[in-house]
């Protein structure tokens, strides 16, 4: 991803060194950094839009290695900058303040503070202000798409990439999942770049939200989680992931394919073997250190042709992602977007999980023939998970 920052002449070299640790942590995923010069994107152009805080830090100027993570609370409001030079915050949505950007020095002034910009791109804003002996640093992710021209606002994709997204069907923007037994509600939202590739995937449950962002190079895809680098995935010539590692370490997961269908996922202690028949996944065998488990699938004639692989949302077919390093919440963030081989051609109608759970799925459509509701029922008698409803929304 191209990240645009201004040439810095407003900060003393001491402060540049202090921020080095912070900036380097944002560039571990290999994002390309471009210094803004005359005729290229300006701060006042790129900053326009709505920004949500995802991370906050406090750095001691006298001891720059002393970086303290601060909680993001309700007092840390969302920001929105408008083209007319006014802005608003989620804490006071009906009040406007004036903002101004210094394009020459890479700063922005609002709400009585001058903020220094360390990173500014289509999707990411990192700013800080000075309070006595401390730097207060905020990480923001853009909400919604950047409305500027690509030539002016940068591009979340740097050049061509061998990865090819699914583009042959309806585009999903949101899925709301309700567990009728527990009452819990989970909302997934999906954002795409100008090449129709996934660029932002957020998962919100109760008061917690996890945001994944994606950037692309020719032979790799990088995944960030809440503004922090998570995965660096190396792609094969077929456009699918061949190896994966945490952004700070070497590859520790390897993927094999047969005729572009996933055939094996190998980790240090676990492995997973999918079996495909007639273009659909019919069995997933998990070889874990503690046990071997199996998942068996049957299918309807409904075609799996949306921008998100729905099988990866309402079934456990991507179980191997729960064992990837760094994922503590068991979210599937790769396979639903066709990074891990060809998807099943149809939608699953039953899933039998290790003979303990049998799930059956029903589908509802709108007048255009699109799947807008999937209902999952657990027929098992052990730890029955009840009925789960997925409501699907389209662009």
Protein backbone atom coordinates (compact mmCIF):
# COMPACT_ATOMS: atom_id res chain seq x y z
CA UNK A 1 0.00 0.00 0.00
CA UNK A 2 1.36 3.44 -0.83
CA UNK A 3 1.54 5.65 2.24
CA UNK A 4 1.93 9.38 1.70
CA UNK A 5 3.73 11.57 4.23
CA UNK A 6 5.03 15.08 3.99
CA UNK A 7 8.70 16.00 3.90
CA UNK A 8 9.44 16.74 7.55
CA UNK A 9 11.09 19.99 8.47
CA UNK A 10 8.94 20.97 11.45
CA UNK A 11 10.21 18.40 13.95
CA UNK A 12 13.53 18.52 15.65
CA UNK A 13 15.77 15.54 14.96
CA UNK A 14 15.24 14.42 18.55
CA UNK A 15 11.53 14.00 17.93
CA UNK A 16 12.19 12.19 14.65
CA UNK A 17 14.26 9.65 16.52
CA UNK A 18 11.56 9.32 19.17
CA UNK A 19 8.95 8.57 16.52
CA UNK A 20 11.16 6.11 14.68
CA UNK A 21 9.99 3.23 16.79
CA UNK A 22 6.36 4.05 16.11
CA UNK A 23 6.72 4.60 12.38
CA UNK A 24 8.76 1.43 11.91
CA UNK A 25 6.05 -0.63 13.58
CA UNK A 26 3.61 0.60 10.95
CA UNK A 27 5.88 -0.27 8.03
CA UNK A 28 6.75 -3.85 8.94
CA UNK A 29 4.15 -5.12 6.50
CA UNK A 30 6.17 -3.77 3.59
CA UNK A 31 3.96 -0.81 2.78
CA UNK A 32 5.58 1.64 0.39
CA UNK A 33 6.17 5.10 1.85
CA UNK A 34 6.21 8.05 -0.53
CA UNK A 35 7.25 11.55 0.48
CA UNK A 36 4.74 14.12 -0.69
CA UNK A 37 6.30 16.78 -2.91
CA UNK A 38 4.91 19.46 -5.16
CA UNK A 39 2.13 18.23 -7.46
CA UNK A 40 1.39 15.07 -5.44
CA UNK A 41 -1.35 14.40 -2.84
CA UNK A 42 -1.72 17.03 -0.15
CA UNK A 43 -2.49 16.55 3.53
CA UNK A 44 -5.60 18.72 3.19
CA UNK A 45 -6.90 16.40 0.44
CA UNK A 46 -6.09 13.03 1.96
CA UNK A 47 -7.39 13.81 5.43
CA UNK A 48 -10.95 14.61 4.28
CA UNK A 49 -13.38 11.95 5.48
CA UNK A 50 -14.35 10.09 8.63
CA UNK A 51 -11.74 8.43 10.87
CA UNK A 52 -12.20 5.95 13.71
CA UNK A 53 -9.60 5.61 16.53
CA UNK A 54 -8.27 2.07 16.92
CA UNK A 55 -5.13 2.51 19.00
CA UNK A 56 -3.58 5.00 21.42
CA UNK A 57 -0.05 5.26 22.79
CA UNK A 58 1.90 7.43 25.21
CA UNK A 59 5.63 7.82 24.59
CA UNK A 60 8.15 9.29 27.02
CA UNK A 61 10.32 11.80 25.11
CA UNK A 62 13.19 11.26 27.54
CA UNK A 63 12.97 7.49 27.22
CA UNK A 64 11.55 6.71 23.76
CA UNK A 65 11.57 2.96 24.38
CA UNK A 66 9.00 3.56 27.09
CA UNK A 67 5.86 3.16 24.97
CA UNK A 68 2.66 2.68 26.93
CA UNK A 69 -0.46 1.34 25.27
CA UNK A 70 -3.50 3.36 26.36
CA UNK A 71 -7.11 2.11 26.07
CA UNK A 72 -9.28 3.67 23.40
CA UNK A 73 -12.37 4.87 25.28
CA UNK A 74 -15.62 6.63 24.45
CA UNK A 75 -13.82 9.92 25.14
CA UNK A 76 -11.61 9.24 22.12
CA UNK A 77 -14.12 10.24 19.49
CA UNK A 78 -14.34 9.54 15.80
CA UNK A 79 -13.27 12.47 13.65
CA UNK A 80 -14.69 13.78 10.40
CA UNK A 81 -13.04 16.42 8.25
CA UNK A 82 -15.12 18.22 5.61
CA UNK A 83 -13.97 19.97 2.46
CA UNK A 84 -15.26 23.34 3.68
CA UNK A 85 -12.64 23.45 6.44
CA UNK A 86 -14.95 22.37 9.25
CA UNK A 87 -15.00 19.13 11.18
CA UNK A 88 -16.99 17.24 13.78
CA UNK A 89 -16.49 14.54 16.39
CA UNK A 90 -18.75 11.67 17.42
CA UNK A 91 -18.85 13.07 20.96
CA UNK A 92 -20.40 16.32 19.72
CA UNK A 93 -21.91 15.49 16.32
CA UNK A 94 -24.02 18.65 16.19
CA UNK A 95 -21.09 21.00 16.77
CA UNK A 96 -18.57 21.99 14.12
CA UNK A 97 -14.99 23.11 14.62
CA UNK A 98 -12.57 24.64 12.15
CA UNK A 99 -9.56 22.67 10.97
CA UNK A 100 -6.58 23.60 8.88
CA UNK A 101 -3.71 21.61 7.42
CA UNK A 102 -0.16 22.77 6.88
CA UNK A 103 0.75 20.90 3.72
CA UNK A 104 4.31 22.16 3.83
CA UNK A 105 5.07 20.89 7.32
CA UNK A 106 2.65 17.96 7.53
CA UNK A 107 0.54 19.11 10.48
CA UNK A 108 -3.14 19.58 11.13
CA UNK A 109 -4.81 21.89 13.64
CA UNK A 110 -8.21 21.19 15.19
CA UNK A 111 -9.96 21.27 18.57
CA UNK A 112 -7.32 23.57 20.02
CA UNK A 113 -4.35 21.28 19.27
CA UNK A 114 -1.71 21.10 16.58
CA UNK A 115 -1.19 17.48 15.54
CA UNK A 116 1.86 16.13 13.75
CA UNK A 117 1.24 13.53 11.05
CA UNK A 118 3.51 10.50 10.84
CA UNK A 119 1.44 8.41 8.41
CA UNK A 120 -1.41 9.35 6.08
CA UNK A 121 -2.90 7.16 3.36
CA UNK A 122 -6.27 6.31 1.93
CA UNK A 123 -7.03 4.08 4.89
CA UNK A 124 -4.67 4.96 7.74
CA UNK A 125 -3.95 8.13 9.73
CA UNK A 126 -1.41 8.28 12.57
CA UNK A 127 -1.05 11.60 14.37
CA UNK A 128 0.44 12.80 17.64
CA UNK A 129 0.59 15.86 19.83
CA UNK A 130 3.13 16.92 22.44
CA UNK A 131 2.06 17.11 26.09
CA UNK A 132 4.98 18.07 28.31
CA UNK A 133 7.45 15.21 28.31
CA UNK A 134 5.13 12.89 26.39
CA UNK A 135 3.90 12.26 22.87
CA UNK A 136 0.24 11.20 22.66
CA UNK A 137 -0.20 9.08 19.52
CA UNK A 138 -3.49 8.10 17.88
CA UNK A 139 -4.03 5.52 15.14
CA UNK A 140 -7.14 6.00 12.99
CA UNK A 141 -8.71 3.89 10.25
CA UNK A 142 -10.83 5.54 7.58
CA UNK A 143 -14.54 4.70 7.63
CA UNK A 144 -15.90 4.24 4.14
CA UNK A 145 -14.05 4.73 0.89
CA UNK A 146 -11.70 7.58 0.03
CA UNK A 147 -13.60 9.87 -2.35
CA UNK A 148 -10.63 11.56 -4.03
CA UNK A 149 -9.04 10.70 -7.36
CA UNK A 150 -6.53 7.87 -7.36
CA UNK A 151 -3.82 10.17 -8.71
CA UNK A 152 -4.43 12.57 -5.87
CA UNK A 153 -5.21 10.29 -2.99
CA UNK A 154 -2.83 7.42 -3.43
CA UNK A 155 -3.84 3.83 -3.93
CA UNK A 156 -4.31 1.00 -1.45
CA UNK A 157 -2.77 -1.30 -4.02
CA UNK A 158 0.77 -0.74 -5.25
CA UNK A 159 0.84 -2.04 -8.80
CA UNK A 160 -0.53 -5.30 -10.15
CA UNK A 161 -0.90 -8.39 -7.99
CA UNK A 162 -1.18 -12.04 -9.00
CA UNK A 163 -4.16 -12.40 -6.66
CA UNK A 164 -7.47 -12.27 -8.52
CA UNK A 165 -10.62 -11.46 -6.50
CA UNK A 166 -14.04 -12.92 -7.16
CA UNK A 167 -15.87 -10.46 -9.43
CA UNK A 168 -18.59 -12.53 -11.09
CA UNK A 169 -21.52 -11.93 -8.75
CA UNK A 170 -23.31 -9.61 -6.31
CA UNK A 171 -21.18 -7.52 -3.96
CA UNK A 172 -21.80 -8.07 -0.25
CA UNK A 173 -21.34 -5.03 2.01
CA UNK A 174 -22.64 -6.32 5.36
CA UNK A 175 -23.69 -9.50 7.17
CA UNK A 176 -25.50 -9.43 10.52
CA UNK A 177 -25.40 -12.71 12.46
CA UNK A 178 -27.84 -13.31 15.31
CA UNK A 179 -27.64 -16.28 17.69
CA UNK A 180 -31.23 -16.84 18.75
CA UNK A 181 -30.18 -18.97 21.70
CA UNK A 182 -27.79 -16.50 23.33
CA UNK A 183 -29.08 -13.26 21.83
CA UNK A 184 -25.62 -12.23 20.67
CA UNK A 185 -25.32 -10.16 17.49
CA UNK A 186 -22.25 -9.93 15.27
CA UNK A 187 -21.97 -7.44 12.40
CA UNK A 188 -19.49 -7.88 9.56
CA UNK A 189 -18.86 -5.11 7.06
CA UNK A 190 -16.83 -5.37 3.86
CA UNK A 191 -14.97 -2.70 1.89
CA UNK A 192 -13.30 -3.08 -1.49
CA UNK A 193 -10.63 -1.22 -3.43
CA UNK A 194 -10.80 0.03 -7.00
CA UNK A 195 -9.81 -3.43 -8.27
CA UNK A 196 -12.71 -5.04 -6.36
CA UNK A 197 -10.33 -6.67 -3.88
CA UNK A 198 -11.12 -6.78 -0.19
CA UNK A 199 -9.52 -3.75 1.47
CA UNK A 200 -11.30 -3.59 4.83
CA UNK A 201 -13.16 -6.20 6.87
CA UNK A 202 -14.63 -5.27 10.23
CA UNK A 203 -16.26 -7.56 12.78
CA UNK A 204 -18.27 -5.96 15.59
CA UNK A 205 -19.77 -7.81 18.52
CA UNK A 206 -21.25 -6.06 21.55
CA UNK A 207 -18.84 -3.20 22.34
CA UNK A 208 -15.83 -4.81 20.67
CA UNK A 209 -14.78 -4.29 17.07
CA UNK A 210 -11.90 -5.82 15.13
CA UNK A 211 -10.88 -4.21 11.85
CA UNK A 212 -8.75 -5.98 9.26
CA UNK A 213 -7.19 -4.06 6.37
CA UNK A 214 -5.47 -5.52 3.31
CA UNK A 215 -2.71 -4.20 1.07
CA UNK A 216 -1.22 -5.77 -2.01
CA UNK A 217 2.12 -6.08 -3.74
CA UNK A 218 2.88 -8.07 -6.86
CA UNK A 219 3.40 -11.41 -5.09
CA UNK A 220 2.08 -10.81 -1.59
CA UNK A 221 -0.83 -9.62 0.50
CA UNK A 222 -0.41 -8.00 3.90
CA UNK A 223 -3.10 -8.08 6.58
CA UNK A 224 -3.34 -5.58 9.42
CA UNK A 225 -5.47 -6.04 12.55
CA UNK A 226 -6.68 -2.85 14.24
CA UNK A 227 -3.87 -0.89 12.64
CA UNK A 228 -1.15 -3.37 13.60
CA UNK A 229 0.66 -5.54 11.09
CA UNK A 230 -0.59 -9.13 11.39
CA UNK A 231 0.20 -11.34 8.38
CA UNK A 232 2.52 -11.26 5.41
CA UNK A 233 1.30 -13.79 2.87
CA UNK A 234 3.43 -14.85 -0.09
CA UNK A 235 1.42 -15.72 -3.19
CA UNK A 236 2.18 -18.40 -5.74
CA UNK A 237 1.92 -18.04 -9.51
CA UNK A 238 -1.68 -19.27 -9.24
CA UNK A 239 -2.56 -16.17 -7.17
CA UNK A 240 -3.21 -18.12 -3.96
CA UNK A 241 -1.28 -18.05 -0.68
CA UNK A 242 1.63 -20.48 -0.65
CA UNK A 243 3.13 -19.46 2.70
CA UNK A 244 2.15 -17.26 5.59
CA UNK A 245 3.86 -15.80 8.61
CA UNK A 246 3.36 -13.14 11.20
CA UNK A 247 4.61 -9.83 9.84
CA UNK A 248 7.49 -9.93 12.33
CA UNK A 249 8.66 -13.49 11.65
CA UNK A 250 9.39 -16.02 8.94
CA UNK A 251 6.73 -18.18 7.31
CA UNK A 252 5.24 -20.80 9.62
CA UNK A 253 2.24 -22.00 7.56
CA UNK A 254 2.38 -23.59 4.10
CA UNK A 255 -0.43 -24.20 1.61
CA UNK A 256 -0.55 -26.84 -1.15
CA UNK A 257 -2.99 -27.03 -4.06
CA UNK A 258 -4.25 -29.58 -6.55
CA UNK A 259 -5.74 -28.07 -9.70
CA UNK A 260 -5.98 -24.80 -7.72
CA UNK A 261 -8.10 -26.40 -4.99
CA UNK A 262 -6.59 -26.35 -1.49
CA UNK A 263 -5.19 -29.81 -0.70
CA UNK A 264 -3.09 -29.32 2.43
CA UNK A 265 -2.33 -26.75 5.11
CA UNK A 266 0.81 -27.45 7.11
CA UNK A 267 1.76 -25.81 10.39
CA UNK A 268 4.40 -26.60 12.97
CA UNK A 269 2.19 -28.95 15.00
CA UNK A 270 -1.05 -29.27 13.04
CA UNK A 271 -2.12 -30.00 9.50
CA UNK A 272 -5.39 -29.91 7.57
CA UNK A 273 -6.43 -31.93 4.52
CA UNK A 274 -9.45 -30.79 2.47
CA UNK A 275 -11.12 -33.18 0.03
CA UNK A 276 -12.96 -31.79 -3.00
CA UNK A 277 -15.41 -33.67 -5.18
CA UNK A 278 -17.33 -32.25 -8.14
CA UNK A 279 -15.97 -28.75 -7.39
CA UNK A 280 -17.16 -28.73 -3.78
CA UNK A 281 -15.41 -29.32 -0.46
CA UNK A 282 -16.87 -32.58 0.87
CA UNK A 283 -14.53 -33.31 3.79
CA UNK A 284 -12.08 -31.41 5.97
CA UNK A 285 -9.76 -33.52 8.14
CA UNK A 286 -7.85 -31.77 10.93
CA UNK A 287 -4.76 -33.49 12.30
CA UNK A 288 -4.24 -31.75 15.63
CA UNK A 289 -1.78 -32.57 18.38
CA UNK A 290 -4.71 -33.55 20.62
CA UNK A 291 -7.02 -35.31 18.17
CA UNK A 292 -8.08 -35.92 14.57
CA UNK A 293 -11.43 -34.42 13.58
CA UNK A 294 -13.57 -34.52 10.45
CA UNK A 295 -16.15 -32.24 8.92
CA UNK A 296 -18.47 -33.60 6.22
CA UNK A 297 -20.42 -31.39 3.80
CA UNK A 298 -23.34 -31.77 1.42
CA UNK A 299 -24.52 -29.10 -1.01
CA UNK A 300 -27.55 -27.49 -2.61
CA UNK A 301 -27.72 -26.38 -6.22
CA UNK A 302 -27.44 -22.76 -5.06
CA UNK A 303 -24.42 -21.18 -6.72
CA UNK A 304 -21.76 -19.66 -4.44
CA UNK A 305 -21.14 -16.54 -6.54
CA UNK A 306 -21.03 -13.51 -4.22
CA UNK A 307 -18.00 -11.30 -3.53
CA UNK A 308 -17.62 -13.11 -0.18
CA UNK A 309 -17.46 -16.91 -0.07
CA UNK A 310 -20.53 -17.45 2.11
CA UNK A 311 -19.54 -21.00 3.00
CA UNK A 312 -16.68 -19.46 4.96
CA UNK A 313 -19.13 -17.35 6.97
CA UNK A 314 -21.85 -19.77 8.03
CA UNK A 315 -19.89 -23.07 8.16
CA UNK A 316 -16.59 -24.12 9.74
CA UNK A 317 -14.99 -25.10 6.44
CA UNK A 318 -12.07 -22.74 7.07
CA UNK A 319 -11.28 -24.30 10.46
CA UNK A 320 -7.54 -24.11 9.78
CA UNK A 321 -7.67 -20.33 10.14
CA UNK A 322 -8.53 -20.76 13.82
CA UNK A 323 -5.06 -22.26 14.27
CA UNK A 324 -3.09 -19.61 12.42
CA UNK A 325 -0.56 -17.70 14.54
CA UNK A 326 -1.77 -14.42 15.95
CA UNK A 327 -5.50 -15.05 15.62
CA UNK A 328 -6.96 -15.23 19.09
CA UNK A 329 -10.58 -14.70 18.10
CA UNK A 330 -10.96 -17.44 15.48
CA UNK A 331 -12.00 -15.08 12.72
CA UNK A 332 -11.61 -16.32 9.17
CA UNK A 333 -9.93 -13.41 7.40
CA UNK A 334 -8.41 -15.05 4.31
CA UNK A 335 -10.44 -17.87 2.77
CA UNK A 336 -13.75 -15.95 2.47
CA UNK A 337 -11.95 -13.66 0.01
CA UNK A 338 -10.48 -16.42 -2.20
CA UNK A 339 -6.89 -16.23 -0.98
CA UNK A 340 -6.73 -19.98 -0.27
CA UNK A 341 -7.64 -21.68 -3.52
CA UNK A 342 -10.80 -22.14 -5.52
CA UNK A 343 -14.01 -21.87 -3.52
CA UNK A 344 -16.74 -24.49 -3.48
CA UNK A 345 -19.02 -24.01 -6.44
CA UNK A 346 -22.23 -24.37 -4.41
CA UNK A 347 -23.58 -23.49 -0.96
CA UNK A 348 -23.45 -26.14 1.74
CA UNK A 349 -26.80 -27.46 3.00
CA UNK A 350 -25.46 -29.70 5.81
CA UNK A 351 -22.32 -29.86 7.92
CA UNK A 352 -21.49 -32.76 10.23
CA UNK A 353 -18.77 -31.84 12.69
CA UNK A 354 -16.92 -34.85 14.10
CA UNK A 355 -20.25 -36.73 14.54
CA UNK A 356 -21.15 -34.43 17.44
CA UNK A 357 -22.91 -31.60 15.66
CA UNK A 358 -25.13 -31.78 12.61
CA UNK A 359 -26.02 -28.42 11.12
CA UNK A 360 -28.68 -27.88 8.47
CA UNK A 361 -28.99 -24.65 6.50
CA UNK A 362 -31.98 -22.90 4.94
CA UNK A 363 -31.79 -20.02 2.46
CA UNK A 364 -33.97 -17.00 1.75
CA UNK A 365 -33.79 -14.90 -1.44
CA UNK A 366 -34.86 -11.46 -2.58
CA UNK A 367 -36.68 -10.59 -5.80
CA UNK A 368 -33.35 -10.55 -7.67
CA UNK A 369 -32.54 -14.14 -6.69
CA UNK A 370 -29.78 -13.11 -4.26
CA UNK A 371 -29.31 -14.97 -0.98
CA UNK A 372 -30.35 -12.52 1.76
CA UNK A 373 -30.83 -14.89 4.70
CA UNK A 374 -29.14 -18.10 5.83
CA UNK A 375 -30.53 -19.95 8.85
CA UNK A 376 -28.34 -22.50 10.62
CA UNK A 377 -29.86 -25.08 12.98
CA UNK A 378 -27.87 -27.42 15.21
CA UNK A 379 -29.57 -30.83 15.36
CA UNK A 380 -27.06 -32.31 17.81
CA UNK A 381 -27.92 -33.22 21.39
CA UNK A 382 -24.49 -32.37 22.90
CA UNK A 383 -23.76 -28.70 23.56
CA UNK A 384 -26.47 -27.72 21.12
CA UNK A 385 -25.75 -24.27 19.69
CA UNK A 386 -29.31 -23.51 18.68
CA UNK A 387 -30.37 -21.46 15.68
CA UNK A 388 -28.20 -18.81 14.07
CA UNK A 389 -29.49 -16.38 11.44
CA UNK A 390 -27.30 -14.53 8.93
CA UNK A 391 -28.86 -11.50 7.23
CA UNK A 392 -26.95 -10.46 4.11
CA UNK A 393 -26.85 -7.01 2.54
CA UNK A 394 -25.65 -6.03 -0.91
CA UNK A 395 -24.27 -3.00 -2.71
